[in-house]
Amino acid sequence: MDFVIEAGKSLIPVEVKYKRLKQEKVPASLRGFIDKYNPEKAYIINLDLSKTLKIKKTTLCFMPFHELLRQSAVL
């Protein structure tokens, strides 16, 4: 896990992979964080995979980095 963003009382874990993911593989460190803290959301930023999974109560989003750029332009 590369980052943890604190948003009020919520923690949002973020994993960054500079590669083209072909499948939804969750790194052990991120899975451990989800198991321990049960965040509402978690992200894996990568080059092109866009997918959403549910792990217990956590919504895990695989997000291409260009989506971050698009969202930040709106802000």
PDB file of N, CA and C in Angstrom:
ATOM      1  N   MET A   1       0.856  -1.156   0.000  1.00  0.00           N
ATOM      2  CA  MET A   1       0.000   0.000   0.000  1.00  0.00           C
ATOM      3  C   MET A   1       0.907   1.227   0.000  1.00  0.00           C
ATOM      4  N   ASP A   2       0.566   2.172  -0.855  1.00  0.00           N
ATOM      5  CA  ASP A   2       1.442   3.328  -1.035  1.00  0.00           C
ATOM      6  C   ASP A   2       1.016   4.561  -0.252  1.00  0.00           C
ATOM      7  N   PHE A   3      -0.276   4.777  -0.116  1.00  0.00           N
ATOM      8  CA  PHE A   3      -0.783   5.965   0.567  1.00  0.00           C
ATOM      9  C   PHE A   3      -2.001   5.620   1.405  1.00  0.00           C
ATOM     10  N   VAL A   4      -2.204   6.391   2.452  1.00  0.00           N
ATOM     11  CA  VAL A   4      -3.463   6.368   3.192  1.00  0.00           C
ATOM     12  C   VAL A   4      -3.911   7.820   3.298  1.00  0.00           C
ATOM     13  N   ILE A   5      -5.072   8.094   2.749  1.00  0.00           N
ATOM     14  CA  ILE A   5      -5.620   9.446   2.777  1.00  0.00           C
ATOM     15  C   ILE A   5      -6.595   9.530   3.939  1.00  0.00           C
ATOM     16  N   GLU A   6      -6.411  10.533   4.773  1.00  0.00           N
ATOM     17  CA  GLU A   6      -7.325  10.752   5.889  1.00  0.00           C
ATOM     18  C   GLU A   6      -8.349  11.789   5.454  1.00  0.00           C
ATOM     19  N   ALA A   7      -9.607  11.378   5.402  1.00  0.00           N
ATOM     20  CA  ALA A   7     -10.700  12.268   4.999  1.00  0.00           C
ATOM     21  C   ALA A   7     -11.692  12.330   6.153  1.00  0.00           C
ATOM     22  N   GLY A   8     -11.516  13.326   7.012  1.00  0.00           N
ATOM     23  CA  GLY A   8     -12.333  13.398   8.220  1.00  0.00           C
ATOM     24  C   GLY A   8     -11.973  12.241   9.122  1.00  0.00           C
ATOM     25  N   LYS A   9     -12.952  11.420   9.459  1.00  0.00           N
ATOM     26  CA  LYS A   9     -12.698  10.239  10.289  1.00  0.00           C
ATOM     27  C   LYS A   9     -12.452   8.985   9.448  1.00  0.00           C
ATOM     28  N   SER A  10     -12.510   9.133   8.134  1.00  0.00           N
ATOM     29  CA  SER A  10     -12.333   7.995   7.232  1.00  0.00           C
ATOM     30  C   SER A  10     -10.891   7.866   6.766  1.00  0.00           C
ATOM     31  N   LEU A  11     -10.454   6.617   6.578  1.00  0.00           N
ATOM     32  CA  LEU A  11      -9.157   6.326   5.994  1.00  0.00           C
ATOM     33  C   LEU A  11      -9.380   5.691   4.632  1.00  0.00           C
ATOM     34  N   ILE A  12      -8.638   6.172   3.617  1.00  0.00           N
ATOM     35  CA  ILE A  12      -8.776   5.647   2.263  1.00  0.00           C
ATOM     36  C   ILE A  12      -7.408   5.137   1.813  1.00  0.00           C
ATOM     37  N   PRO A  13      -7.246   3.804   1.720  1.00  0.00           N
ATOM     38  CA  PRO A  13      -5.970   3.257   1.260  1.00  0.00           C
ATOM     39  C   PRO A  13      -5.865   3.326  -0.264  1.00  0.00           C
ATOM     40  N   VAL A  14      -4.638   3.621  -0.742  1.00  0.00           N
ATOM     41  CA  VAL A  14      -4.388   3.741  -2.172  1.00  0.00           C
ATOM     42  C   VAL A  14      -3.127   2.957  -2.527  1.00  0.00           C
ATOM     43  N   GLU A  15      -3.238   2.091  -3.498  1.00  0.00           N
ATOM     44  CA  GLU A  15      -2.109   1.337  -4.040  1.00  0.00           C
ATOM     45  C   GLU A  15      -1.888   1.845  -5.457  1.00  0.00           C
ATOM     46  N   VAL A  16      -0.638   2.090  -5.842  1.00  0.00           N
ATOM     47  CA  VAL A  16      -0.327   2.580  -7.183  1.00  0.00           C
ATOM     48  C   VAL A  16       0.551   1.552  -7.893  1.00  0.00           C
ATOM     49  N   LYS A  17       0.112   1.145  -9.085  1.00  0.00           N
ATOM     50  CA  LYS A  17       0.844   0.178  -9.903  1.00  0.00           C
ATOM     51  C   LYS A  17       1.085   0.795 -11.268  1.00  0.00           C
ATOM     52  N   TYR A  18       2.364   0.980 -11.633  1.00  0.00           N
ATOM     53  CA  TYR A  18       2.666   1.528 -12.950  1.00  0.00           C
ATOM     54  C   TYR A  18       2.809   0.375 -13.943  1.00  0.00           C
ATOM     55  N   LYS A  19       1.663  -0.279 -14.198  1.00  0.00           N
ATOM     56  CA  LYS A  19       1.631  -1.357 -15.182  1.00  0.00           C
ATOM     57  C   LYS A  19       0.191  -1.586 -15.616  1.00  0.00           C
ATOM     58  N   ARG A  20       0.062  -2.325 -16.695  1.00  0.00           N
ATOM     59  CA  ARG A  20      -1.260  -2.658 -17.233  1.00  0.00           C
ATOM     60  C   ARG A  20      -1.763  -3.916 -16.545  1.00  0.00           C
ATOM     61  N   LEU A  21      -2.705  -3.742 -15.663  1.00  0.00           N
ATOM     62  CA  LEU A  21      -3.269  -4.883 -14.954  1.00  0.00           C
ATOM     63  C   LEU A  21      -4.280  -5.594 -15.851  1.00  0.00           C
ATOM     64  N   LYS A  22      -4.220  -6.916 -15.860  1.00  0.00           N
ATOM     65  CA  LYS A  22      -5.150  -7.704 -16.667  1.00  0.00           C
ATOM     66  C   LYS A  22      -6.221  -8.361 -15.810  1.00  0.00           C
ATOM     67  N   GLN A  23      -5.945  -8.485 -14.523  1.00  0.00           N
ATOM     68  CA  GLN A  23      -6.908  -9.089 -13.609  1.00  0.00           C
ATOM     69  C   GLN A  23      -6.909  -8.346 -12.282  1.00  0.00           C
ATOM     70  N   GLU A  24      -7.946  -8.585 -11.491  1.00  0.00           N
ATOM     71  CA  GLU A  24      -8.110  -7.903 -10.208  1.00  0.00           C
ATOM     72  C   GLU A  24      -7.316  -8.650  -9.130  1.00  0.00           C
ATOM     73  N   LYS A  25      -6.055  -8.336  -8.992  1.00  0.00           N
ATOM     74  CA  LYS A  25      -5.234  -8.940  -7.951  1.00  0.00           C
ATOM     75  C   LYS A  25      -5.007  -7.905  -6.849  1.00  0.00           C
ATOM     76  N   VAL A  26      -5.385  -8.260  -5.626  1.00  0.00           N
ATOM     77  CA  VAL A  26      -5.268  -7.334  -4.497  1.00  0.00           C
ATOM     78  C   VAL A  26      -3.986  -7.673  -3.722  1.00  0.00           C
ATOM     79  N   PRO A  27      -3.052  -6.717  -3.624  1.00  0.00           N
ATOM     80  CA  PRO A  27      -1.809  -6.970  -2.889  1.00  0.00           C
ATOM     81  C   PRO A  27      -2.083  -7.308  -1.418  1.00  0.00           C
ATOM     82  N   ALA A  28      -1.221  -8.130  -0.837  1.00  0.00           N
ATOM     83  CA  ALA A  28      -1.398  -8.589   0.545  1.00  0.00           C
ATOM     84  C   ALA A  28      -1.464  -7.425   1.529  1.00  0.00           C
ATOM     85  N   SER A  29      -0.649  -6.403   1.326  1.00  0.00           N
ATOM     86  CA  SER A  29      -0.650  -5.271   2.262  1.00  0.00           C
ATOM     87  C   SER A  29      -1.987  -4.530   2.235  1.00  0.00           C
ATOM     88  N   LEU A  30      -2.562  -4.370   1.054  1.00  0.00           N
ATOM     89  CA  LEU A  30      -3.859  -3.698   0.939  1.00  0.00           C
ATOM     90  C   LEU A  30      -4.964  -4.571   1.527  1.00  0.00           C
ATOM     91  N   ARG A  31      -4.918  -5.859   1.248  1.00  0.00           N
ATOM     92  CA  ARG A  31      -5.909  -6.780   1.809  1.00  0.00           C
ATOM     93  C   ARG A  31      -5.844  -6.775   3.336  1.00  0.00           C
ATOM     94  N   GLY A  32      -4.614  -6.744   3.892  1.00  0.00           N
ATOM     95  CA  GLY A  32      -4.456  -6.689   5.340  1.00  0.00           C
ATOM     96  C   GLY A  32      -5.045  -5.417   5.936  1.00  0.00           C
ATOM     97  N   PHE A  33      -4.832  -4.283   5.264  1.00  0.00           N
ATOM     98  CA  PHE A  33      -5.387  -3.007   5.725  1.00  0.00           C
ATOM     99  C   PHE A  33      -6.913  -3.068   5.708  1.00  0.00           C
ATOM    100  N   ILE A  34      -7.475  -3.605   4.635  1.00  0.00           N
ATOM    101  CA  ILE A  34      -8.931  -3.727   4.534  1.00  0.00           C
ATOM    102  C   ILE A  34      -9.467  -4.620   5.648  1.00  0.00           C
ATOM    103  N   ASP A  35      -8.807  -5.744   5.897  1.00  0.00           N
ATOM    104  CA  ASP A  35      -9.247  -6.656   6.958  1.00  0.00           C
ATOM    105  C   ASP A  35      -9.193  -6.002   8.337  1.00  0.00           C
ATOM    106  N   LYS A  36      -8.168  -5.184   8.559  1.00  0.00           N
ATOM    107  CA  LYS A  36      -7.987  -4.580   9.883  1.00  0.00           C
ATOM    108  C   LYS A  36      -8.872  -3.355  10.121  1.00  0.00           C
ATOM    109  N   TYR A  37      -8.972  -2.474   9.120  1.00  0.00           N
ATOM    110  CA  TYR A  37      -9.638  -1.181   9.327  1.00  0.00           C
ATOM    111  C   TYR A  37     -11.018  -1.051   8.670  1.00  0.00           C
ATOM    112  N   ASN A  38     -11.393  -1.973   7.795  1.00  0.00           N
ATOM    113  CA  ASN A  38     -12.698  -1.931   7.122  1.00  0.00           C
ATOM    114  C   ASN A  38     -13.041  -0.560   6.536  1.00  0.00           C
ATOM    115  N   PRO A  39     -12.174   0.005   5.679  1.00  0.00           N
ATOM    116  CA  PRO A  39     -12.502   1.313   5.104  1.00  0.00           C
ATOM    117  C   PRO A  39     -13.699   1.209   4.161  1.00  0.00           C
ATOM    118  N   GLU A  40     -14.390   2.313   3.984  1.00  0.00           N
ATOM    119  CA  GLU A  40     -15.536   2.331   3.077  1.00  0.00           C
ATOM    120  C   GLU A  40     -15.079   2.158   1.629  1.00  0.00           C
ATOM    121  N   LYS A  41     -13.944   2.815   1.269  1.00  0.00           N
ATOM    122  CA  LYS A  41     -13.414   2.777  -0.093  1.00  0.00           C
ATOM    123  C   LYS A  41     -11.920   2.498  -0.068  1.00  0.00           C
ATOM    124  N   ALA A  42     -11.428   1.908  -1.152  1.00  0.00           N
ATOM    125  CA  ALA A  42      -9.997   1.694  -1.364  1.00  0.00           C
ATOM    126  C   ALA A  42      -9.759   1.777  -2.875  1.00  0.00           C
ATOM    127  N   TYR A  43      -8.532   2.135  -3.264  1.00  0.00           N
ATOM    128  CA  TYR A  43      -8.222   2.319  -4.679  1.00  0.00           C
ATOM    129  C   TYR A  43      -6.927   1.632  -5.057  1.00  0.00           C
ATOM    130  N   ILE A  44      -6.919   1.081  -6.276  1.00  0.00           N
ATOM    131  CA  ILE A  44      -5.687   0.623  -6.909  1.00  0.00           C
ATOM    132  C   ILE A  44      -5.595   1.396  -8.219  1.00  0.00           C
ATOM    133  N   ILE A  45      -4.650   2.317  -8.268  1.00  0.00           N
ATOM    134  CA  ILE A  45      -4.437   3.151  -9.450  1.00  0.00           C
ATOM    135  C   ILE A  45      -3.470   2.401 -10.356  1.00  0.00           C
ATOM    136  N   ASN A  46      -3.798   2.298 -11.648  1.00  0.00           N
ATOM    137  CA  ASN A  46      -2.970   1.557 -12.586  1.00  0.00           C
ATOM    138  C   ASN A  46      -3.067   2.210 -13.960  1.00  0.00           C
ATOM    139  N   LEU A  47      -2.488   1.558 -14.980  1.00  0.00           N
ATOM    140  CA  LEU A  47      -2.480   2.180 -16.306  1.00  0.00           C
ATOM    141  C   LEU A  47      -3.805   2.082 -17.054  1.00  0.00           C
ATOM    142  N   ASP A  48      -4.555   0.973 -16.895  1.00  0.00           N
ATOM    143  CA  ASP A  48      -5.763   0.922 -17.714  1.00  0.00           C
ATOM    144  C   ASP A  48      -6.939   0.094 -17.190  1.00  0.00           C
ATOM    145  N   LEU A  49      -6.791  -0.675 -16.135  1.00  0.00           N
ATOM    146  CA  LEU A  49      -7.905  -1.504 -15.652  1.00  0.00           C
ATOM    147  C   LEU A  49      -8.905  -0.662 -14.859  1.00  0.00           C
ATOM    148  N   SER A  50     -10.175  -0.785 -15.257  1.00  0.00           N
ATOM    149  CA  SER A  50     -11.255  -0.098 -14.560  1.00  0.00           C
ATOM    150  C   SER A  50     -12.250  -1.166 -14.105  1.00  0.00           C
ATOM    151  N   LYS A  51     -12.363  -1.346 -12.806  1.00  0.00           N
ATOM    152  CA  LYS A  51     -13.232  -2.387 -12.265  1.00  0.00           C
ATOM    153  C   LYS A  51     -13.521  -2.061 -10.809  1.00  0.00           C
ATOM    154  N   THR A  52     -14.622  -2.540 -10.309  1.00  0.00           N
ATOM    155  CA  THR A  52     -14.979  -2.342  -8.903  1.00  0.00           C
ATOM    156  C   THR A  52     -15.288  -3.694  -8.281  1.00  0.00           C
ATOM    157  N   LEU A  53     -14.728  -3.925  -7.096  1.00  0.00           N
ATOM    158  CA  LEU A  53     -14.972  -5.143  -6.330  1.00  0.00           C
ATOM    159  C   LEU A  53     -15.493  -4.767  -4.955  1.00  0.00           C
ATOM    160  N   LYS A  54     -16.119  -5.714  -4.309  1.00  0.00           N
ATOM    161  CA  LYS A  54     -16.566  -5.524  -2.929  1.00  0.00           C
ATOM    162  C   LYS A  54     -15.824  -6.547  -2.081  1.00  0.00           C
ATOM    163  N   ILE A  55     -15.087  -6.076  -1.079  1.00  0.00           N
ATOM    164  CA  ILE A  55     -14.406  -6.944  -0.119  1.00  0.00           C
ATOM    165  C   ILE A  55     -14.971  -6.588   1.248  1.00  0.00           C
ATOM    166  N   LYS A  56     -15.777  -7.472   1.768  1.00  0.00           N
ATOM    167  CA  LYS A  56     -16.512  -7.215   3.010  1.00  0.00           C
ATOM    168  C   LYS A  56     -17.306  -5.931   2.838  1.00  0.00           C
ATOM    169  N   LYS A  57     -17.045  -4.907   3.645  1.00  0.00           N
ATOM    170  CA  LYS A  57     -17.775  -3.631   3.547  1.00  0.00           C
ATOM    171  C   LYS A  57     -17.040  -2.604   2.693  1.00  0.00           C
ATOM    172  N   THR A  58     -15.908  -2.976   2.123  1.00  0.00           N
ATOM    173  CA  THR A  58     -15.072  -2.037   1.370  1.00  0.00           C
ATOM    174  C   THR A  58     -15.337  -2.144  -0.131  1.00  0.00           C
ATOM    175  N   THR A  59     -15.537  -0.985  -0.768  1.00  0.00           N
ATOM    176  CA  THR A  59     -15.622  -0.919  -2.220  1.00  0.00           C
ATOM    177  C   THR A  59     -14.217  -0.640  -2.731  1.00  0.00           C
ATOM    178  N   LEU A  60     -13.661  -1.587  -3.486  1.00  0.00           N
ATOM    179  CA  LEU A  60     -12.309  -1.462  -4.019  1.00  0.00           C
ATOM    180  C   LEU A  60     -12.408  -1.110  -5.497  1.00  0.00           C
ATOM    181  N   CYS A  61     -11.855   0.046  -5.855  1.00  0.00           N
ATOM    182  CA  CYS A  61     -11.909   0.525  -7.233  1.00  0.00           C
ATOM    183  C   CYS A  61     -10.538   0.417  -7.882  1.00  0.00           C
ATOM    184  N   PHE A  62     -10.465  -0.321  -8.989  1.00  0.00           N
ATOM    185  CA  PHE A  62      -9.286  -0.308  -9.844  1.00  0.00           C
ATOM    186  C   PHE A  62      -9.522   0.850 -10.801  1.00  0.00           C
ATOM    187  N   MET A  63      -8.641   1.842 -10.775  1.00  0.00           N
ATOM    188  CA  MET A  63      -8.873   3.061 -11.542  1.00  0.00           C
ATOM    189  C   MET A  63      -7.655   3.396 -12.405  1.00  0.00           C
ATOM    190  N   PRO A  64      -7.860   3.591 -13.715  1.00  0.00           N
ATOM    191  CA  PRO A  64      -6.761   4.041 -14.563  1.00  0.00           C
ATOM    192  C   PRO A  64      -6.334   5.453 -14.159  1.00  0.00           C
ATOM    193  N   PHE A  65      -5.042   5.712 -14.230  1.00  0.00           N
ATOM    194  CA  PHE A  65      -4.533   7.012 -13.775  1.00  0.00           C
ATOM    195  C   PHE A  65      -5.139   8.165 -14.547  1.00  0.00           C
ATOM    196  N   HIS A  66      -5.488   7.966 -15.824  1.00  0.00           N
ATOM    197  CA  HIS A  66      -6.067   9.070 -16.604  1.00  0.00           C
ATOM    198  C   HIS A  66      -7.421   9.505 -16.045  1.00  0.00           C
ATOM    199  N   GLU A  67      -8.119   8.614 -15.322  1.00  0.00           N
ATOM    200  CA  GLU A  67      -9.368   9.001 -14.666  1.00  0.00           C
ATOM    201  C   GLU A  67      -9.098  10.002 -13.544  1.00  0.00           C
ATOM    202  N   LEU A  68      -7.977   9.835 -12.845  1.00  0.00           N
ATOM    203  CA  LEU A  68      -7.591  10.808 -11.809  1.00  0.00           C
ATOM    204  C   LEU A  68      -7.384  12.183 -12.424  1.00  0.00           C
ATOM    205  N   LEU A  69      -6.698  12.202 -13.576  1.00  0.00           N
ATOM    206  CA  LEU A  69      -6.448  13.473 -14.248  1.00  0.00           C
ATOM    207  C   LEU A  69      -7.751  14.134 -14.675  1.00  0.00           C
ATOM    208  N   ARG A  70      -8.683  13.342 -15.159  1.00  0.00           N
ATOM    209  CA  ARG A  70      -9.981  13.872 -15.590  1.00  0.00           C
ATOM    210  C   ARG A  70     -10.765  14.420 -14.403  1.00  0.00           C
ATOM    211  N   GLN A  71     -10.754  13.700 -13.285  1.00  0.00           N
ATOM    212  CA  GLN A  71     -11.493  14.137 -12.095  1.00  0.00           C
ATOM    213  C   GLN A  71     -10.866  15.379 -11.490  1.00  0.00           C
ATOM    214  N   SER A  72      -9.522  15.468 -11.485  1.00  0.00           N
ATOM    215  CA  SER A  72      -8.881  16.647 -10.900  1.00  0.00           C
ATOM    216  C   SER A  72      -9.111  17.887 -11.739  1.00  0.00           C
ATOM    217  N   ALA A  73      -9.311  17.722 -13.048  1.00  0.00           N
ATOM    218  CA  ALA A  73      -9.608  18.872 -13.921  1.00  0.00           C
ATOM    219  C   ALA A  73     -10.972  19.458 -13.571  1.00  0.00           C
ATOM    220  N   VAL A  74     -11.891  18.631 -13.126  1.00  0.00           N
ATOM    221  CA  VAL A  74     -13.224  19.099 -12.748  1.00  0.00           C
ATOM    222  C   VAL A  74     -13.162  19.886 -11.441  1.00  0.00           C
ATOM    223  N   LEU A  75     -12.266  19.476 -10.542  1.00  0.00           N
ATOM    224  CA  LEU A  75     -12.144  20.159  -9.265  1.00  0.00           C
ATOM    225  C   LEU A  75     -11.475  21.477  -9.472  1.00  0.00           C
TER     226      LEU A  75
END
